[in-house]
Amino acid sequence: MFYSLQLSFVKYLRNETVIKALGQRIKKLRKAQKISQRQLAFESEIPETQIRRIEKGQVNTGISTIVAIANAL
């Protein structure tokens, strides 16, 4: 039972819908400002590969990364 609870909790933490929506929103904001992923990576001090993965909804990123991206946008 404990294992089952752990899996439910992990699934809750990794809500695919929210992760994909966040990535889409970041991409939309970046494109609205006409900046490249490379420029966003530079401004936010986040690796470009990480920016790509976030925008594709492939990674459950931390709040500090989200704040860095928000400040760069």
Protein backbone atom coordinates (compact mmCIF):
# COMPACT_ATOMS: atom_id res chain seq x y z
CA MET A 1 0.00 0.00 0.00
CA PHE A 2 2.82 2.42 0.84
CA TYR A 3 4.33 1.83 -2.61
CA SER A 4 0.96 2.61 -4.18
CA LEU A 5 0.76 5.89 -2.26
CA GLN A 6 4.27 6.80 -3.36
CA LEU A 7 3.39 6.27 -7.02
CA SER A 8 0.26 8.40 -6.68
CA PHE A 9 2.27 11.19 -5.08
CA VAL A 10 4.95 11.08 -7.80
CA LYS A 11 2.26 11.13 -10.48
CA TYR A 12 0.73 14.19 -8.80
CA LEU A 13 4.09 15.96 -8.78
CA ARG A 14 4.59 15.26 -12.47
CA ASN A 15 1.33 16.49 -13.94
CA GLU A 16 1.98 16.18 -17.68
CA THR A 17 -0.80 18.61 -18.59
CA VAL A 18 0.65 21.37 -16.41
CA ILE A 19 4.21 20.72 -17.59
CA LYS A 20 3.18 20.92 -21.26
CA ALA A 21 1.03 24.02 -20.67
CA LEU A 22 3.93 25.79 -18.95
CA GLY A 23 6.24 24.97 -21.85
CA GLN A 24 3.73 26.21 -24.39
CA ARG A 25 3.23 29.44 -22.45
CA ILE A 26 6.96 30.10 -22.20
CA LYS A 27 7.35 29.48 -25.94
CA LYS A 28 4.44 31.80 -26.74
CA LEU A 29 5.87 34.60 -24.57
CA ARG A 30 9.35 34.12 -26.05
CA LYS A 31 8.06 34.27 -29.62
CA ALA A 32 5.91 37.32 -28.84
CA GLN A 33 9.11 39.10 -27.81
CA LYS A 34 10.86 37.79 -30.93
CA ILE A 35 13.77 36.23 -29.08
CA SER A 36 15.40 32.91 -29.84
CA GLN A 37 15.81 30.01 -27.47
CA ARG A 38 19.52 30.79 -27.50
CA GLN A 39 18.90 34.40 -26.42
CA LEU A 40 16.48 33.30 -23.69
CA ALA A 41 19.04 30.78 -22.47
CA PHE A 42 21.69 33.50 -22.34
CA GLU A 43 19.46 36.01 -20.55
CA SER A 44 18.17 33.48 -18.02
CA GLU A 45 21.51 31.69 -17.57
CA ILE A 46 19.77 28.37 -18.28
CA PRO A 47 21.30 25.95 -20.83
CA GLU A 48 19.67 26.18 -24.25
CA THR A 49 18.99 22.44 -24.20
CA GLN A 50 17.05 22.90 -20.96
CA ILE A 51 14.98 25.73 -22.52
CA ARG A 52 14.13 23.41 -25.43
CA ARG A 53 13.10 20.59 -23.11
CA ILE A 54 10.96 22.93 -20.99
CA GLU A 55 9.18 24.33 -24.06
CA LYS A 56 8.49 20.80 -25.32
CA GLY A 57 7.07 19.79 -21.94
CA GLN A 58 9.72 17.13 -21.45
CA VAL A 59 10.98 18.24 -18.05
CA ASN A 60 9.37 19.11 -14.73
CA THR A 61 11.46 22.18 -14.01
CA GLY A 62 12.11 23.81 -10.66
CA ILE A 63 10.72 27.09 -9.42
CA SER A 64 14.11 28.82 -9.52
CA THR A 65 14.41 27.97 -13.23
CA ILE A 66 10.90 29.28 -13.87
CA VAL A 67 11.75 32.52 -12.05
CA ALA A 68 14.96 32.94 -14.08
CA ILE A 69 13.04 32.46 -17.32
CA ALA A 70 10.27 34.82 -16.20
CA ASN A 71 12.80 37.51 -15.34
CA ALA A 72 14.46 37.09 -18.74
CA LEU A 73 11.12 37.44 -20.50
